Amino acid sequence: MEKLQGKWLIAVSSGPDSMALLQMCIDAGIDCAVAHVNYHHRPEADEEENYIRSFCVERGISIFIHNDPFVYTGNFEAAARELRYRFFVEIVRREGFQGVLIGHHQDDLLETYIMQESKNIVPEYYGLREEMLMHGVLFKRPLLQMTKEELVTYCKEHELRYYIDVTNLSDEYTRNQIRHQIVEPMTSFERSVYLREIKQKNAIMQERRCRVKTYIRQDKILLATYRALAQEDRVTMLRMFVEKTPHYSLKHLQGIDETIMHACDFIIPLGELSLVSDGTYLLKYVSEKPYCYVFESMEELQDIRKEHFYTENGSPGVFALTLEEADFPIRIRSFQAGDKIQMRFGCKEVHRFFIDRHIPKYQRQTWPVVENAAGEIILVPGLGCNVQHYSTMPNLNVIQY
């Protein structure tokens, strides 16, 4: 292993891969510290912690241990991974280290790739990256060229004690099944075929990502451009466009793509945000809560500036109305399903106004309406006021952004 500049944090679990990595760093003269997480999940956990602690003390290596009770909900592996990576990031930031070294090896890389393929996932990267940034901290995997068997052999040759996580021996988990039934029995030739395939797929993915990235401008995509691309390019662009959200299966992304290709107006929920269209662009939109503002007098309505509307002195038009004292308190709120307004030509359902004017669905959710004390909708900005509040000299305009 080549010597790295600066001081590095090594993630050590007590398994053969991390113990081999630690010894290699020591032999290479790398200035390092150790981080270990004790989940108290197995009977051997405390024994492993004590072993790693004594190993580091004997060699004068700083060690950071997280051994608080581990309380989690849902999947243990996912929760444990989140805990340890958060722990690593905190140490690196506090101590000013260069980054974190992790003992992932070639078997882990192959297992990850096969899992991605079996789940039909569209990943950001196939297999495992040699380097990655997480919360601004650099993580390096220097052992990806070595097999698990080679690392076990290394530990034996250097008389390194290590522990085996017995949960890895069970086929209860999908990853363990892949490890025991597919990866471990592989010949050297079969490994080389898989590794070449991973390399080729990542090269194709990188080329495609670089190409389609040029079509994403200011957090929006021109729909005409999107629809002119091949499906693989469109799916890659979707993946990049919503990459802060969880990974989605290829089938899920293809379903989203199908909607974008054929629907004129849509709202596609994706976690905390939605994909929406304004007729010209594909946009990311964070759904907003309904709002309602109450005004007790005409004075309170002067020169109001809110997120979705503003007021100004009255002038004739589709934003104007004439208010009287009996109308107060006035409510200016977001549109609700079933809203209607009495116009000169009859009762108008507000949602029909949206359809007639081609107002995108996502904009309808926050469109303001004005309601008087009697609970009547007396103005829909852009449509006009109801018949009782029309005059040639209106005293208020409510204008939506």
Protein backbone atom coordinates (compact mmCIF):
# COMPACT_ATOMS: atom_id res chain seq x y z
CA MET A 1 0.00 0.00 0.00
CA GLU A 2 1.28 3.45 -0.90
CA LYS A 3 1.85 5.94 1.88
CA LEU A 4 -0.90 8.57 2.13
CA GLN A 5 -0.24 12.15 3.21
CA GLY A 6 -1.89 13.49 6.34
CA LYS A 7 -3.67 11.59 9.08
CA TRP A 8 -6.43 9.11 8.21
CA LEU A 9 -9.20 7.45 10.19
CA ILE A 10 -9.45 3.70 9.64
CA ALA A 11 -12.82 2.00 10.12
CA VAL A 12 -12.08 -1.24 12.00
CA SER A 13 -14.73 -3.83 12.76
CA SER A 14 -12.27 -6.61 13.88
CA GLY A 15 -12.98 -8.66 10.73
CA PRO A 16 -10.10 -9.87 8.52
CA ASP A 17 -10.59 -7.12 5.93
CA SER A 18 -10.36 -4.18 8.35
CA MET A 19 -7.59 -5.79 10.42
CA ALA A 20 -5.57 -6.36 7.24
CA LEU A 21 -6.16 -2.76 6.19
CA LEU A 22 -5.00 -1.48 9.59
CA GLN A 23 -1.79 -3.53 9.47
CA MET A 24 -1.08 -2.45 5.88
CA CYS A 25 -1.43 1.20 6.89
CA ILE A 26 0.95 0.67 9.82
CA ASP A 27 3.50 -1.05 7.56
CA ALA A 28 3.21 1.74 4.98
CA GLY A 29 3.92 4.37 7.63
CA ILE A 30 0.52 6.04 7.26
CA ASP A 31 -0.37 8.33 10.16
CA CYS A 32 -3.68 6.87 11.29
CA ALA A 33 -6.30 6.54 14.00
CA VAL A 34 -8.96 3.87 14.44
CA ALA A 35 -12.74 4.11 14.71
CA HIS A 36 -14.82 1.18 15.99
CA VAL A 37 -18.57 0.89 16.55
CA ASN A 38 -19.90 -1.61 19.09
CA TYR A 39 -23.58 -2.20 18.39
CA HIS A 40 -23.89 -4.71 21.26
CA HIS A 41 -25.70 -6.83 18.68
CA ARG A 42 -23.69 -10.04 19.16
CA PRO A 43 -22.28 -11.86 22.23
CA GLU A 44 -18.70 -11.29 20.99
CA ALA A 45 -19.12 -7.53 20.57
CA ASP A 46 -17.47 -6.48 23.85
CA GLU A 47 -14.63 -8.96 23.36
CA GLU A 48 -13.97 -7.54 19.88
CA GLU A 49 -13.99 -3.98 21.20
CA ASN A 50 -11.47 -4.88 23.93
CA TYR A 51 -9.22 -6.62 21.39
CA ILE A 52 -9.16 -3.62 19.03
CA ARG A 53 -8.60 -1.26 21.94
CA SER A 54 -5.61 -3.28 23.22
CA PHE A 55 -4.21 -3.65 19.67
CA CYS A 56 -4.18 0.13 19.27
CA VAL A 57 -2.83 0.85 22.75
CA GLU A 58 0.11 -1.51 22.20
CA ARG A 59 1.02 0.34 18.99
CA GLY A 60 0.33 3.86 20.20
CA ILE A 61 -2.59 4.38 17.81
CA SER A 62 -5.43 6.72 18.77
CA ILE A 63 -8.81 4.99 18.90
CA PHE A 64 -12.36 6.30 18.88
CA ILE A 65 -15.11 3.94 20.04
CA HIS A 66 -18.86 4.31 19.84
CA ASN A 67 -20.42 1.85 22.27
CA ASP A 68 -23.63 3.55 23.38
CA PRO A 69 -26.73 1.34 23.31
CA PHE A 70 -27.87 1.01 19.70
CA VAL A 71 -31.60 1.72 19.37
CA TYR A 72 -33.04 1.55 15.88
CA THR A 73 -36.21 0.98 13.90
CA GLY A 74 -36.60 -0.89 10.64
CA ASN A 75 -33.66 -2.62 8.96
CA PHE A 76 -30.67 -3.26 11.25
CA GLU A 77 -28.05 -3.14 8.49
CA ALA A 78 -29.29 0.18 7.13
CA ALA A 79 -29.55 1.75 10.60
CA ALA A 80 -26.10 0.45 11.60
CA ARG A 81 -24.54 1.80 8.43
CA GLU A 82 -26.07 5.24 9.00
CA LEU A 83 -24.80 5.28 12.59
CA ARG A 84 -21.20 4.33 11.80
CA TYR A 85 -20.82 6.67 8.83
CA ARG A 86 -22.21 9.55 10.87
CA PHE A 87 -19.74 8.63 13.63
CA PHE A 88 -16.84 8.58 11.15
CA VAL A 89 -17.80 11.96 9.69
CA GLU A 90 -18.02 13.54 13.16
CA ILE A 91 -14.51 12.33 14.07
CA VAL A 92 -12.91 13.50 10.83
CA ARG A 93 -14.46 16.95 11.14
CA ARG A 94 -13.58 17.33 14.80
CA GLU A 95 -10.01 16.03 14.53
CA GLY A 96 -9.17 17.53 11.15
CA PHE A 97 -8.24 14.20 9.52
CA GLN A 98 -7.81 13.77 5.76
CA GLY A 99 -10.65 11.27 5.52
CA VAL A 100 -11.69 7.68 6.21
CA LEU A 101 -10.21 4.40 4.93
CA ILE A 102 -12.64 1.47 4.62
CA GLY A 103 -11.74 -2.20 4.18
CA HIS A 104 -14.20 -3.03 1.40
CA HIS A 105 -12.66 -5.56 -0.97
CA GLN A 106 -13.28 -7.14 -4.35
CA ASP A 107 -15.88 -9.57 -3.01
CA ASP A 108 -17.88 -6.63 -1.62
CA LEU A 109 -17.67 -4.90 -4.98
CA LEU A 110 -18.98 -7.97 -6.82
CA GLU A 111 -21.73 -8.57 -4.26
CA THR A 112 -22.90 -4.96 -4.58
CA TYR A 113 -22.97 -5.15 -8.38
CA ILE A 114 -24.89 -8.43 -8.43
CA MET A 115 -27.40 -7.04 -5.91
CA GLN A 116 -27.88 -3.94 -8.08
CA GLU A 117 -28.55 -6.14 -11.09
CA SER A 118 -30.88 -8.51 -9.22
CA LYS A 119 -32.95 -5.57 -7.91
CA ASN A 120 -32.95 -3.87 -11.32
CA ILE A 121 -31.58 -0.71 -9.71
CA VAL A 122 -30.37 2.23 -11.78
CA PRO A 123 -27.35 3.21 -9.65
CA GLU A 124 -25.21 6.30 -9.69
CA TYR A 125 -22.27 3.89 -9.95
CA TYR A 126 -22.04 0.14 -10.54
CA GLY A 127 -20.29 -1.78 -7.77
CA LEU A 128 -18.30 0.35 -5.33
CA ARG A 129 -16.33 3.54 -5.93
CA GLU A 130 -12.71 3.66 -4.86
CA GLU A 131 -13.37 7.15 -3.52
CA MET A 132 -16.53 8.96 -2.48
CA LEU A 133 -17.58 12.08 -0.62
CA MET A 134 -20.14 11.87 2.17
CA HIS A 135 -21.17 15.06 3.97
CA GLY A 136 -18.01 16.67 2.63
CA VAL A 137 -15.73 13.91 4.01
CA LEU A 138 -13.52 11.77 1.74
CA PHE A 139 -13.91 7.99 2.03
CA LYS A 140 -11.34 5.75 0.32
CA ARG A 141 -11.49 2.01 -0.37
CA PRO A 142 -7.88 0.96 -1.03
CA LEU A 143 -8.53 -2.82 -1.00
CA LEU A 144 -10.97 -3.18 -3.92
CA GLN A 145 -8.37 -5.04 -5.97
CA MET A 146 -7.93 -7.72 -3.28
CA THR A 147 -10.24 -10.69 -2.65
CA LYS A 148 -11.56 -11.69 0.74
CA GLU A 149 -9.47 -14.87 0.53
CA GLU A 150 -6.30 -12.85 -0.05
CA LEU A 151 -7.04 -10.68 2.98
CA VAL A 152 -7.63 -13.72 5.20
CA THR A 153 -4.33 -15.14 3.99
CA TYR A 154 -2.62 -11.83 4.73
CA CYS A 155 -3.95 -11.89 8.31
CA LYS A 156 -2.69 -15.43 8.85
CA GLU A 157 0.76 -14.65 7.41
CA HIS A 158 1.07 -11.61 9.69
CA GLU A 159 -0.39 -13.47 12.67
CA LEU A 160 -3.24 -10.99 12.95
CA ARG A 161 -6.12 -12.07 15.12
CA TYR A 162 -9.53 -11.36 13.62
CA TYR A 163 -13.18 -12.16 14.32
CA ILE A 164 -15.84 -13.55 12.03
CA ASP A 165 -19.33 -12.07 12.22
CA VAL A 166 -21.46 -15.21 12.49
CA THR A 167 -24.43 -13.39 10.93
CA ASN A 168 -22.44 -13.35 7.69
CA LEU A 169 -22.50 -17.15 7.64
CA SER A 170 -26.28 -17.36 7.43
CA ASP A 171 -28.18 -17.25 4.14
CA GLU A 172 -31.00 -15.33 5.77
CA TYR A 173 -29.96 -12.11 4.01
CA THR A 174 -29.87 -11.65 0.25
CA ARG A 175 -26.30 -10.33 0.31
CA ASN A 176 -25.13 -13.43 2.16
CA GLN A 177 -26.85 -15.66 -0.40
CA ILE A 178 -25.05 -13.83 -3.21
CA ARG A 179 -21.76 -14.06 -1.33
CA HIS A 180 -21.95 -17.80 -0.63
CA GLN A 181 -23.72 -19.03 -3.75
CA ILE A 182 -22.25 -16.76 -6.44
CA VAL A 183 -19.18 -14.75 -5.43
CA GLU A 184 -17.21 -17.19 -3.28
CA PRO A 185 -17.36 -20.07 -5.83
CA MET A 186 -16.20 -17.80 -8.70
CA THR A 187 -13.07 -18.73 -10.59
CA SER A 188 -10.45 -16.08 -11.36
CA PHE A 189 -11.68 -15.99 -14.96
CA GLU A 190 -15.30 -15.46 -13.87
CA ARG A 191 -14.23 -12.64 -11.58
CA SER A 192 -12.34 -10.97 -14.41
CA VAL A 193 -15.43 -11.17 -16.64
CA TYR A 194 -17.60 -9.53 -13.98
CA LEU A 195 -15.00 -6.84 -13.25
CA ARG A 196 -14.65 -6.03 -16.96
CA GLU A 197 -18.44 -5.80 -17.25
CA ILE A 198 -18.63 -3.43 -14.28
CA LYS A 199 -15.87 -1.26 -15.73
CA GLN A 200 -17.59 -1.08 -19.13
CA LYS A 201 -20.98 -0.23 -17.60
CA ASN A 202 -19.47 2.55 -15.50
CA ALA A 203 -17.69 3.96 -18.56
CA ILE A 204 -20.97 3.98 -20.51
CA MET A 205 -22.80 5.48 -17.54
CA GLN A 206 -20.17 8.21 -17.14
CA GLU A 207 -20.28 9.11 -20.84
CA ARG A 208 -24.08 9.24 -20.83
CA ARG A 209 -24.22 11.29 -17.61
CA CYS A 210 -21.75 13.84 -19.00
CA ARG A 211 -23.77 14.12 -22.19
CA VAL A 212 -27.27 14.45 -20.72
CA LYS A 213 -26.11 16.72 -17.90
CA THR A 214 -25.78 19.52 -20.46
CA TYR A 215 -29.57 19.43 -20.94
CA ILE A 216 -30.29 20.23 -17.28
CA ARG A 217 -30.30 24.01 -16.96
CA GLN A 218 -31.11 25.94 -13.79
CA ASP A 219 -32.89 22.96 -12.22
CA LYS A 220 -35.22 22.44 -15.18
CA ILE A 221 -35.31 20.42 -18.40
CA LEU A 222 -36.90 21.49 -21.66
CA LEU A 223 -39.64 18.93 -22.27
CA ALA A 224 -39.13 18.95 -26.05
CA THR A 225 -35.46 18.08 -25.55
CA TYR A 226 -36.26 15.37 -23.00
CA ARG A 227 -38.82 13.72 -25.25
CA ALA A 228 -36.44 13.68 -28.22
CA LEU A 229 -33.86 11.53 -26.39
CA ALA A 230 -33.57 7.74 -26.31
CA GLN A 231 -35.12 6.06 -23.27
CA GLU A 232 -31.77 5.11 -21.68
CA ASP A 233 -30.69 8.74 -21.89
CA ARG A 234 -34.01 9.91 -20.44
CA VAL A 235 -33.80 7.49 -17.51
CA THR A 236 -30.22 8.57 -16.79
CA MET A 237 -31.30 12.21 -16.88
CA LEU A 238 -34.13 11.47 -14.45
CA ARG A 239 -31.69 9.75 -12.12
CA MET A 240 -29.43 12.82 -12.17
CA PHE A 241 -32.32 15.25 -11.86
CA VAL A 242 -33.62 13.69 -8.63
CA GLU A 243 -30.34 12.26 -7.31
CA LYS A 244 -30.85 13.64 -3.80
CA THR A 245 -33.82 11.32 -3.43
CA PRO A 246 -33.47 7.57 -2.68
CA HIS A 247 -32.44 5.21 -5.48
CA TYR A 248 -35.34 3.99 -7.57
CA SER A 249 -35.64 0.77 -9.54
CA LEU A 250 -35.41 0.87 -13.30
CA LYS A 251 -39.08 -0.10 -13.46
CA HIS A 252 -40.06 2.87 -11.28
CA LEU A 253 -38.04 5.32 -13.36
CA GLN A 254 -39.47 3.90 -16.56
CA GLY A 255 -42.97 4.45 -15.14
CA ILE A 256 -42.12 8.08 -14.42
CA ASP A 257 -40.68 8.42 -17.90
CA GLU A 258 -43.88 7.01 -19.41
CA THR A 259 -45.92 9.72 -17.65
CA ILE A 260 -43.58 12.51 -18.77
CA MET A 261 -43.62 11.26 -22.35
CA HIS A 262 -47.40 11.13 -22.71
CA ALA A 263 -49.05 13.46 -20.15
CA CYS A 264 -49.44 17.16 -20.82
CA ASP A 265 -49.82 18.16 -17.18
CA PHE A 266 -48.71 16.08 -14.20
CA ILE A 267 -47.52 15.98 -10.61
CA ILE A 268 -45.29 12.97 -9.87
CA PRO A 269 -44.52 12.60 -6.12
CA LEU A 270 -40.90 11.68 -5.31
CA GLY A 271 -40.33 11.79 -1.58
CA GLU A 272 -40.14 15.38 -0.37
CA LEU A 273 -40.47 16.82 -3.86
CA SER A 274 -42.51 16.26 -7.01
CA LEU A 275 -41.75 16.33 -10.71
CA VAL A 276 -44.11 18.73 -12.45
CA SER A 277 -44.62 20.35 -15.83
CA ASP A 278 -45.52 23.91 -16.75
CA GLY A 279 -46.13 22.83 -20.34
CA THR A 280 -42.63 23.80 -21.47
CA TYR A 281 -40.26 22.55 -18.80
CA LEU A 282 -39.87 19.59 -16.46
CA LEU A 283 -39.41 21.06 -12.97
CA LYS A 284 -38.73 19.97 -9.41
CA TYR A 285 -41.37 21.27 -7.03
CA VAL A 286 -41.57 21.10 -3.25
CA SER A 287 -45.21 20.71 -2.26
CA GLU A 288 -46.48 23.53 -0.07
CA LYS A 289 -49.04 23.51 2.71
CA PRO A 290 -52.40 25.28 2.35
CA TYR A 291 -52.45 28.82 3.71
CA CYS A 292 -55.05 31.27 5.00
CA TYR A 293 -54.57 34.90 5.98
CA VAL A 294 -57.28 36.89 7.81
CA PHE A 295 -57.64 40.67 7.47
CA GLU A 296 -59.98 42.63 9.72
CA SER A 297 -60.04 45.94 7.87
CA MET A 298 -59.24 47.67 4.61
CA GLU A 299 -56.18 49.24 6.22
CA GLU A 300 -54.68 45.81 6.92
CA LEU A 301 -54.97 44.92 3.22
CA GLN A 302 -52.81 47.75 1.96
CA ASP A 303 -49.59 46.76 0.18
CA ILE A 304 -49.52 43.18 1.47
CA ARG A 305 -46.61 41.00 0.24
CA LYS A 306 -47.02 37.27 0.80
CA GLU A 307 -45.33 34.30 -0.85
CA HIS A 308 -48.14 33.63 -3.33
CA PHE A 309 -49.87 36.99 -3.74
CA TYR A 310 -49.63 40.71 -3.15
CA THR A 311 -52.12 43.58 -2.96
CA GLU A 312 -52.19 47.07 -4.40
CA ASN A 313 -54.64 49.94 -4.96
CA GLY A 314 -57.65 49.02 -7.04
CA SER A 315 -57.68 49.38 -10.82
CA PRO A 316 -60.08 47.69 -13.26
CA GLY A 317 -59.23 44.18 -14.41
CA VAL A 318 -59.28 40.50 -13.48
CA PHE A 319 -57.44 41.16 -10.18
CA ALA A 320 -59.83 43.82 -8.90
CA LEU A 321 -62.78 43.87 -6.52
CA THR A 322 -64.74 46.37 -4.49
CA LEU A 323 -64.90 45.63 -0.77
CA GLU A 324 -67.44 46.95 1.73
CA GLU A 325 -67.35 46.95 5.52
CA ALA A 326 -69.77 44.00 5.69
CA ASP A 327 -67.24 41.81 3.83
CA PHE A 328 -64.80 41.80 6.76
CA PRO A 329 -63.07 39.83 8.05
CA ILE A 330 -61.61 38.91 4.67
CA ARG A 331 -59.72 35.66 4.16
CA ILE A 332 -57.17 35.20 1.42
CA ARG A 333 -56.41 31.51 1.24
CA SER A 334 -55.22 28.80 -1.12
CA PHE A 335 -57.66 27.15 -3.50
CA GLN A 336 -59.71 24.22 -2.21
CA ALA A 337 -61.52 21.55 -4.19
CA GLY A 338 -65.18 22.56 -4.65
CA ASP A 339 -64.56 26.32 -4.64
CA LYS A 340 -67.13 28.23 -6.75
CA ILE A 341 -67.66 31.89 -7.60
CA GLN A 342 -70.82 33.68 -8.77
CA MET A 343 -69.93 35.58 -11.94
CA ARG A 344 -72.12 37.80 -14.10
CA PHE A 345 -72.60 34.93 -16.54
CA GLY A 346 -73.40 32.34 -13.84
CA CYS A 347 -71.73 30.22 -11.17
CA LYS A 348 -68.20 29.20 -12.11
CA GLU A 349 -66.27 26.29 -10.61
CA VAL A 350 -62.76 27.53 -9.92
CA HIS A 351 -61.12 24.32 -11.13
CA ARG A 352 -62.78 24.87 -14.54
CA PHE A 353 -61.05 28.26 -14.67
CA PHE A 354 -57.73 26.50 -14.14
CA ILE A 355 -58.49 24.04 -16.93
CA ASP A 356 -59.68 26.74 -19.34
CA ARG A 357 -56.61 28.91 -18.71
CA HIS A 358 -54.19 25.92 -18.81
CA ILE A 359 -52.90 26.62 -15.31
CA PRO A 360 -50.44 23.79 -14.43
CA LYS A 361 -51.67 21.44 -11.73
CA TYR A 362 -48.86 22.26 -9.32
CA GLN A 363 -49.65 26.00 -9.46
CA ARG A 364 -53.31 25.39 -8.64
CA GLN A 365 -52.41 24.12 -5.16
CA THR A 366 -51.31 27.58 -3.98
CA TRP A 367 -53.51 29.82 -6.16
CA PRO A 368 -55.11 32.47 -3.92
CA VAL A 369 -58.85 33.05 -3.59
CA VAL A 370 -60.54 35.82 -1.59
CA GLU A 371 -63.39 34.86 0.75
CA ASN A 372 -65.63 37.30 2.63
CA ALA A 373 -67.24 37.05 6.08
CA ALA A 374 -70.23 35.22 4.62
CA GLY A 375 -67.94 32.46 3.28
CA GLU A 376 -68.43 33.49 -0.36
CA ILE A 377 -65.58 33.40 -2.86
CA ILE A 378 -65.55 37.00 -4.06
CA LEU A 379 -62.35 37.02 -6.14
CA VAL A 380 -60.19 34.55 -8.00
CA PRO A 381 -57.16 36.51 -9.26
CA GLY A 382 -56.88 36.11 -13.02
CA LEU A 383 -60.56 35.16 -13.37
CA GLY A 384 -62.23 38.14 -11.72
CA CYS A 385 -64.58 39.00 -8.86
CA ASN A 386 -68.13 37.87 -8.25
CA VAL A 387 -71.03 39.93 -9.53
CA GLN A 388 -71.77 41.69 -6.20
CA HIS A 389 -68.20 42.98 -5.86
CA TYR A 390 -67.72 44.36 -9.34
CA SER A 391 -67.57 48.11 -9.97
CA THR A 392 -65.86 50.49 -12.37
CA MET A 393 -63.91 51.94 -9.44
CA PRO A 394 -62.54 48.94 -7.44
CA ASN A 395 -60.72 49.64 -4.18
CA LEU A 396 -58.35 46.62 -4.10
CA ASN A 397 -56.30 44.41 -6.40
CA VAL A 398 -55.12 40.95 -5.29
CA ILE A 399 -52.50 39.64 -7.69
CA GLN A 400 -51.01 36.13 -7.68
CA TYR A 401 -47.32 35.65 -8.37
